[in-house]
Amino acid sequence: MTALAWLIPAALGLGFLGLMGFLWAVRSGQYEDMDGAARRILIDDDGPLTDDDRDQDAAGNEGSRDEAGDG
């Protein structure tokens, strides 16, 4: 019986904290744009890579490997 005296207030307190977190998220606009992130991933702002871009990328990656001690 004493366990219920601890568990019931703890459960009510955690539920209240969850409710307060949800209300904070709603008020701060977390649920305003539900489709924006899903559509944003489909937008391709970058053009195709050219040979010059690939050469610069390869040179940059080799340099970072040397600094890290991998190469």
PDB file of N, CA and C in Angstrom:
ATOM      1  N   MET A   1       0.808  -1.197   0.000  1.00  0.00           N
ATOM      2  CA  MET A   1       0.000   0.000   0.000  1.00  0.00           C
ATOM      3  C   MET A   1       0.852   1.262   0.000  1.00  0.00           C
ATOM      4  N   THR A   2       1.994   1.193   0.674  1.00  0.00           N
ATOM      5  CA  THR A   2       2.847   2.381   0.691  1.00  0.00           C
ATOM      6  C   THR A   2       3.483   2.619  -0.684  1.00  0.00           C
ATOM      7  N   ALA A   3       3.621   1.555  -1.477  1.00  0.00           N
ATOM      8  CA  ALA A   3       4.172   1.726  -2.820  1.00  0.00           C
ATOM      9  C   ALA A   3       3.224   2.565  -3.678  1.00  0.00           C
ATOM     10  N   LEU A   4       1.930   2.338  -3.505  1.00  0.00           N
ATOM     11  CA  LEU A   4       0.958   3.144  -4.258  1.00  0.00           C
ATOM     12  C   LEU A   4       0.991   4.599  -3.833  1.00  0.00           C
ATOM     13  N   ALA A   5       1.304   4.844  -2.574  1.00  0.00           N
ATOM     14  CA  ALA A   5       1.391   6.218  -2.093  1.00  0.00           C
ATOM     15  C   ALA A   5       2.536   6.954  -2.788  1.00  0.00           C
ATOM     16  N   TRP A   6       3.549   6.240  -3.240  1.00  0.00           N
ATOM     17  CA  TRP A   6       4.655   6.852  -3.980  1.00  0.00           C
ATOM     18  C   TRP A   6       4.411   6.832  -5.488  1.00  0.00           C
ATOM     19  N   LEU A   7       3.854   5.751  -5.997  1.00  0.00           N
ATOM     20  CA  LEU A   7       3.721   5.585  -7.439  1.00  0.00           C
ATOM     21  C   LEU A   7       2.647   6.488  -8.050  1.00  0.00           C
ATOM     22  N   ILE A   8       1.536   6.660  -7.365  1.00  0.00           N
ATOM     23  CA  ILE A   8       0.460   7.485  -7.926  1.00  0.00           C
ATOM     24  C   ILE A   8       0.890   8.944  -8.054  1.00  0.00           C
ATOM     25  N   PRO A   9       1.458   9.566  -7.025  1.00  0.00           N
ATOM     26  CA  PRO A   9       1.924  10.949  -7.225  1.00  0.00           C
ATOM     27  C   PRO A   9       3.055  11.054  -8.252  1.00  0.00           C
ATOM     28  N   ALA A  10       3.919  10.047  -8.297  1.00  0.00           N
ATOM     29  CA  ALA A  10       5.002  10.072  -9.292  1.00  0.00           C
ATOM     30  C   ALA A  10       4.430   9.999 -10.701  1.00  0.00           C
ATOM     31  N   ALA A  11       3.448   9.139 -10.924  1.00  0.00           N
ATOM     32  CA  ALA A  11       2.832   9.020 -12.240  1.00  0.00           C
ATOM     33  C   ALA A  11       2.090  10.301 -12.616  1.00  0.00           C
ATOM     34  N   LEU A  12       1.401  10.891 -11.671  1.00  0.00           N
ATOM     35  CA  LEU A  12       0.704  12.151 -11.949  1.00  0.00           C
ATOM     36  C   LEU A  12       1.698  13.275 -12.239  1.00  0.00           C
ATOM     37  N   GLY A  13       2.790  13.306 -11.507  1.00  0.00           N
ATOM     38  CA  GLY A  13       3.805  14.331 -11.740  1.00  0.00           C
ATOM     39  C   GLY A  13       4.453  14.185 -13.111  1.00  0.00           C
ATOM     40  N   LEU A  14       4.792  12.955 -13.500  1.00  0.00           N
ATOM     41  CA  LEU A  14       5.384  12.736 -14.821  1.00  0.00           C
ATOM     42  C   LEU A  14       4.395  13.057 -15.935  1.00  0.00           C
ATOM     43  N   GLY A  15       3.148  12.717 -15.729  1.00  0.00           N
ATOM     44  CA  GLY A  15       2.125  13.065 -16.713  1.00  0.00           C
ATOM     45  C   GLY A  15       1.972  14.562 -16.853  1.00  0.00           C
ATOM     46  N   PHE A  16       2.033  15.269 -15.730  1.00  0.00           N
ATOM     47  CA  PHE A  16       1.948  16.728 -15.761  1.00  0.00           C
ATOM     48  C   PHE A  16       3.158  17.323 -16.489  1.00  0.00           C
ATOM     49  N   LEU A  17       4.352  16.795 -16.237  1.00  0.00           N
ATOM     50  CA  LEU A  17       5.535  17.270 -16.935  1.00  0.00           C
ATOM     51  C   LEU A  17       5.434  17.030 -18.442  1.00  0.00           C
ATOM     52  N   GLY A  18       4.912  15.878 -18.827  1.00  0.00           N
ATOM     53  CA  GLY A  18       4.718  15.597 -20.246  1.00  0.00           C
ATOM     54  C   GLY A  18       3.720  16.541 -20.884  1.00  0.00           C
ATOM     55  N   LEU A  19       2.649  16.816 -20.174  1.00  0.00           N
ATOM     56  CA  LEU A  19       1.643  17.760 -20.679  1.00  0.00           C
ATOM     57  C   LEU A  19       2.233  19.157 -20.821  1.00  0.00           C
ATOM     58  N   MET A  20       3.024  19.576 -19.858  1.00  0.00           N
ATOM     59  CA  MET A  20       3.642  20.900 -19.927  1.00  0.00           C
ATOM     60  C   MET A  20       4.636  20.964 -21.092  1.00  0.00           C
ATOM     61  N   GLY A  21       5.382  19.890 -21.323  1.00  0.00           N
ATOM     62  CA  GLY A  21       6.301  19.857 -22.453  1.00  0.00           C
ATOM     63  C   GLY A  21       5.571  19.926 -23.777  1.00  0.00           C
ATOM     64  N   PHE A  22       4.460  19.218 -23.872  1.00  0.00           N
ATOM     65  CA  PHE A  22       3.661  19.262 -25.096  1.00  0.00           C
ATOM     66  C   PHE A  22       3.095  20.659 -25.331  1.00  0.00           C
ATOM     67  N   LEU A  23       2.553  21.274 -24.293  1.00  0.00           N
ATOM     68  CA  LEU A  23       1.998  22.619 -24.448  1.00  0.00           C
ATOM     69  C   LEU A  23       3.076  23.631 -24.810  1.00  0.00           C
ATOM     70  N   TRP A  24       4.285  23.479 -24.240  1.00  0.00           N
ATOM     71  CA  TRP A  24       5.388  24.361 -24.611  1.00  0.00           C
ATOM     72  C   TRP A  24       5.727  24.206 -26.093  1.00  0.00           C
ATOM     73  N   ALA A  25       5.756  22.951 -26.586  1.00  0.00           N
ATOM     74  CA  ALA A  25       6.082  22.707 -27.991  1.00  0.00           C
ATOM     75  C   ALA A  25       5.029  23.310 -28.913  1.00  0.00           C
ATOM     76  N   VAL A  26       3.777  23.214 -28.536  1.00  0.00           N
ATOM     77  CA  VAL A  26       2.705  23.790 -29.359  1.00  0.00           C
ATOM     78  C   VAL A  26       2.810  25.312 -29.379  1.00  0.00           C
ATOM     79  N   ARG A  27       3.052  25.913 -28.224  1.00  0.00           N
ATOM     80  CA  ARG A  27       3.126  27.373 -28.153  1.00  0.00           C
ATOM     81  C   ARG A  27       4.356  27.928 -28.855  1.00  0.00           C
ATOM     82  N   SER A  28       5.453  27.158 -28.884  1.00  0.00           N
ATOM     83  CA  SER A  28       6.673  27.661 -29.512  1.00  0.00           C
ATOM     84  C   SER A  28       6.708  27.400 -31.009  1.00  0.00           C
ATOM     85  N   GLY A  29       5.660  26.780 -31.558  1.00  0.00           N
ATOM     86  CA  GLY A  29       5.551  26.625 -33.000  1.00  0.00           C
ATOM     87  C   GLY A  29       6.222  25.380 -33.557  1.00  0.00           C
ATOM     88  N   GLN A  30       6.458  24.376 -32.748  1.00  0.00           N
ATOM     89  CA  GLN A  30       7.121  23.167 -33.220  1.00  0.00           C
ATOM     90  C   GLN A  30       6.268  22.389 -34.221  1.00  0.00           C
ATOM     91  N   TYR A  31       4.963  22.559 -34.178  1.00  0.00           N
ATOM     92  CA  TYR A  31       4.068  21.805 -35.051  1.00  0.00           C
ATOM     93  C   TYR A  31       3.467  22.669 -36.155  1.00  0.00           C
ATOM     94  N   GLU A  32       4.054  23.812 -36.433  1.00  0.00           N
ATOM     95  CA  GLU A  32       3.502  24.728 -37.424  1.00  0.00           C
ATOM     96  C   GLU A  32       3.631  24.207 -38.855  1.00  0.00           C
ATOM     97  N   ASP A  33       4.803  23.713 -39.226  1.00  0.00           N
ATOM     98  CA  ASP A  33       5.066  23.321 -40.613  1.00  0.00           C
ATOM     99  C   ASP A  33       5.400  21.834 -40.650  1.00  0.00           C
ATOM    100  N   MET A  34       4.394  21.000 -40.709  1.00  0.00           N
ATOM    101  CA  MET A  34       4.602  19.555 -40.670  1.00  0.00           C
ATOM    102  C   MET A  34       5.094  19.001 -42.006  1.00  0.00           C
ATOM    103  N   ASP A  35       4.779  19.662 -43.118  1.00  0.00           N
ATOM    104  CA  ASP A  35       5.160  19.149 -44.427  1.00  0.00           C
ATOM    105  C   ASP A  35       6.440  19.782 -44.969  1.00  0.00           C
ATOM    106  N   GLY A  36       6.900  20.849 -44.363  1.00  0.00           N
ATOM    107  CA  GLY A  36       8.059  21.569 -44.886  1.00  0.00           C
ATOM    108  C   GLY A  36       9.321  20.724 -44.906  1.00  0.00           C
ATOM    109  N   ALA A  37       9.638  20.053 -43.809  1.00  0.00           N
ATOM    110  CA  ALA A  37      10.860  19.254 -43.756  1.00  0.00           C
ATOM    111  C   ALA A  37      10.774  18.058 -44.700  1.00  0.00           C
ATOM    112  N   ALA A  38       9.604  17.494 -44.836  1.00  0.00           N
ATOM    113  CA  ALA A  38       9.445  16.346 -45.727  1.00  0.00           C
ATOM    114  C   ALA A  38       9.638  16.753 -47.183  1.00  0.00           C
ATOM    115  N   ARG A  39       9.205  17.930 -47.535  1.00  0.00           N
ATOM    116  CA  ARG A  39       9.371  18.390 -48.919  1.00  0.00           C
ATOM    117  C   ARG A  39      10.753  18.989 -49.158  1.00  0.00           C
ATOM    118  N   ARG A  40      11.358  19.554 -48.118  1.00  0.00           N
ATOM    119  CA  ARG A  40      12.659  20.197 -48.267  1.00  0.00           C
ATOM    120  C   ARG A  40      13.744  19.207 -48.668  1.00  0.00           C
ATOM    121  N   ILE A  41      13.613  17.970 -48.239  1.00  0.00           N
ATOM    122  CA  ILE A  41      14.626  16.974 -48.577  1.00  0.00           C
ATOM    123  C   ILE A  41      14.588  16.626 -50.062  1.00  0.00           C
ATOM    124  N   LEU A  42      13.470  16.861 -50.717  1.00  0.00           N
ATOM    125  CA  LEU A  42      13.343  16.542 -52.131  1.00  0.00           C
ATOM    126  C   LEU A  42      13.857  17.650 -53.049  1.00  0.00           C
ATOM    127  N   ILE A  43      14.103  18.834 -52.506  1.00  0.00           N
ATOM    128  CA  ILE A  43      14.574  19.963 -53.305  1.00  0.00           C
ATOM    129  C   ILE A  43      16.064  19.790 -53.549  1.00  0.00           C
ATOM    130  N   ASP A  44      16.457  19.820 -54.802  1.00  0.00           N
ATOM    131  CA  ASP A  44      17.850  19.652 -55.175  1.00  0.00           C
ATOM    132  C   ASP A  44      18.408  21.006 -55.588  1.00  0.00           C
ATOM    133  N   ASP A  45      19.099  21.667 -54.671  1.00  0.00           N
ATOM    134  CA  ASP A  45      19.679  22.975 -54.966  1.00  0.00           C
ATOM    135  C   ASP A  45      21.020  22.863 -55.661  1.00  0.00           C
ATOM    136  N   ASP A  46      21.702  21.756 -55.502  1.00  0.00           N
ATOM    137  CA  ASP A  46      23.028  21.589 -56.079  1.00  0.00           C
ATOM    138  C   ASP A  46      22.923  21.094 -57.514  1.00  0.00           C
ATOM    139  N   GLY A  47      23.820  21.581 -58.338  1.00  0.00           N
ATOM    140  CA  GLY A  47      23.907  21.093 -59.701  1.00  0.00           C
ATOM    141  C   GLY A  47      24.744  19.820 -59.732  1.00  0.00           C
ATOM    142  N   PRO A  48      24.891  19.238 -60.885  1.00  0.00           N
ATOM    143  CA  PRO A  48      25.716  18.028 -60.976  1.00  0.00           C
ATOM    144  C   PRO A  48      27.186  18.355 -60.734  1.00  0.00           C
ATOM    145  N   LEU A  49      27.918  17.391 -60.188  1.00  0.00           N
ATOM    146  CA  LEU A  49      29.340  17.578 -59.938  1.00  0.00           C
ATOM    147  C   LEU A  49      30.109  17.560 -61.249  1.00  0.00           C
ATOM    148  N   THR A  50      31.063  18.468 -61.366  1.00  0.00           N
ATOM    149  CA  THR A  50      31.944  18.469 -62.527  1.00  0.00           C
ATOM    150  C   THR A  50      33.248  17.785 -62.143  1.00  0.00           C
ATOM    151  N   ASP A  51      34.131  17.581 -63.120  1.00  0.00           N
ATOM    152  CA  ASP A  51      35.422  16.954 -62.835  1.00  0.00           C
ATOM    153  C   ASP A  51      36.240  17.811 -61.886  1.00  0.00           C
ATOM    154  N   ASP A  52      36.154  19.133 -62.012  1.00  0.00           N
ATOM    155  CA  ASP A  52      36.898  20.031 -61.128  1.00  0.00           C
ATOM    156  C   ASP A  52      36.410  19.889 -59.685  1.00  0.00           C
ATOM    157  N   ASP A  53      35.097  19.760 -59.493  1.00  0.00           N
ATOM    158  CA  ASP A  53      34.546  19.586 -58.158  1.00  0.00           C
ATOM    159  C   ASP A  53      35.028  18.285 -57.535  1.00  0.00           C
ATOM    160  N   ARG A  54      35.074  17.232 -58.329  1.00  0.00           N
ATOM    161  CA  ARG A  54      35.529  15.938 -57.821  1.00  0.00           C
ATOM    162  C   ARG A  54      37.005  15.986 -57.437  1.00  0.00           C
ATOM    163  N   ASP A  55      37.818  16.695 -58.239  1.00  0.00           N
ATOM    164  CA  ASP A  55      39.237  16.818 -57.931  1.00  0.00           C
ATOM    165  C   ASP A  55      39.455  17.592 -56.638  1.00  0.00           C
ATOM    166  N   GLN A  56      38.704  18.677 -56.459  1.00  0.00           N
ATOM    167  CA  GLN A  56      38.834  19.460 -55.236  1.00  0.00           C
ATOM    168  C   GLN A  56      38.356  18.664 -54.031  1.00  0.00           C
ATOM    169  N   ASP A  57      37.294  17.901 -54.196  1.00  0.00           N
ATOM    170  CA  ASP A  57      36.780  17.085 -53.105  1.00  0.00           C
ATOM    171  C   ASP A  57      37.789  16.003 -52.713  1.00  0.00           C
ATOM    172  N   ALA A  58      38.390  15.374 -53.703  1.00  0.00           N
ATOM    173  CA  ALA A  58      39.376  14.332 -53.421  1.00  0.00           C
ATOM    174  C   ALA A  58      40.599  14.924 -52.728  1.00  0.00           C
ATOM    175  N   ALA A  59      41.042  16.093 -53.151  1.00  0.00           N
ATOM    176  CA  ALA A  59      42.193  16.732 -52.522  1.00  0.00           C
ATOM    177  C   ALA A  59      41.868  17.129 -51.086  1.00  0.00           C
ATOM    178  N   GLY A  60      40.662  17.600 -50.863  1.00  0.00           N
ATOM    179  CA  GLY A  60      40.252  17.976 -49.507  1.00  0.00           C
ATOM    180  C   GLY A  60      40.140  16.784 -48.591  1.00  0.00           C
ATOM    181  N   ASN A  61      39.625  15.688 -49.089  1.00  0.00           N
ATOM    182  CA  ASN A  61      39.501  14.486 -48.268  1.00  0.00           C
ATOM    183  C   ASN A  61      40.848  13.878 -47.952  1.00  0.00           C
ATOM    184  N   GLU A  62      41.803  13.894 -48.907  1.00  0.00           N
ATOM    185  CA  GLU A  62      43.130  13.345 -48.646  1.00  0.00           C
ATOM    186  C   GLU A  62      43.844  14.172 -47.579  1.00  0.00           C
ATOM    187  N   GLY A  63      43.664  15.464 -47.626  1.00  0.00           N
ATOM    188  CA  GLY A  63      44.304  16.313 -46.631  1.00  0.00           C
ATOM    189  C   GLY A  63      43.752  16.061 -45.239  1.00  0.00           C
ATOM    190  N   SER A  64      42.453  15.852 -45.147  1.00  0.00           N
ATOM    191  CA  SER A  64      41.882  15.625 -43.824  1.00  0.00           C
ATOM    192  C   SER A  64      42.294  14.257 -43.291  1.00  0.00           C
ATOM    193  N   ARG A  65      42.499  13.277 -44.171  1.00  0.00           N
ATOM    194  CA  ARG A  65      42.960  11.973 -43.705  1.00  0.00           C
ATOM    195  C   ARG A  65      44.391  12.044 -43.200  1.00  0.00           C
ATOM    196  N   ASP A  66      45.227  12.857 -43.872  1.00  0.00           N
ATOM    197  CA  ASP A  66      46.608  13.002 -43.425  1.00  0.00           C
ATOM    198  C   ASP A  66      46.676  13.662 -42.062  1.00  0.00           C
ATOM    199  N   GLU A  67      45.818  14.654 -41.836  1.00  0.00           N
ATOM    200  CA  GLU A  67      45.825  15.335 -40.558  1.00  0.00           C
ATOM    201  C   GLU A  67      45.342  14.424 -39.437  1.00  0.00           C
ATOM    202  N   ALA A  68      44.413  13.534 -39.758  1.00  0.00           N
ATOM    203  CA  ALA A  68      43.878  12.628 -38.754  1.00  0.00           C
ATOM    204  C   ALA A  68      44.805  11.456 -38.491  1.00  0.00           C
ATOM    205  N   GLY A  69      45.822  11.259 -39.345  1.00  0.00           N
ATOM    206  CA  GLY A  69      46.738  10.169 -39.145  1.00  0.00           C
ATOM    207  C   GLY A  69      46.300   8.883 -39.818  1.00  0.00           C
ATOM    208  N   ASP A  70      45.298   8.956 -40.675  1.00  0.00           N
ATOM    209  CA  ASP A  70      44.797   7.748 -41.351  1.00  0.00           C
ATOM    210  C   ASP A  70      45.538   7.475 -42.650  1.00  0.00           C
ATOM    211  N   GLY A  71      46.211   8.421 -43.225  1.00  0.00           N
ATOM    212  CA  GLY A  71      46.751   8.213 -44.545  1.00  0.00           C
ATOM    213  C   GLY A  71      48.119   8.575 -44.658  1.00  0.00           C
TER     214      GLY A  71
END
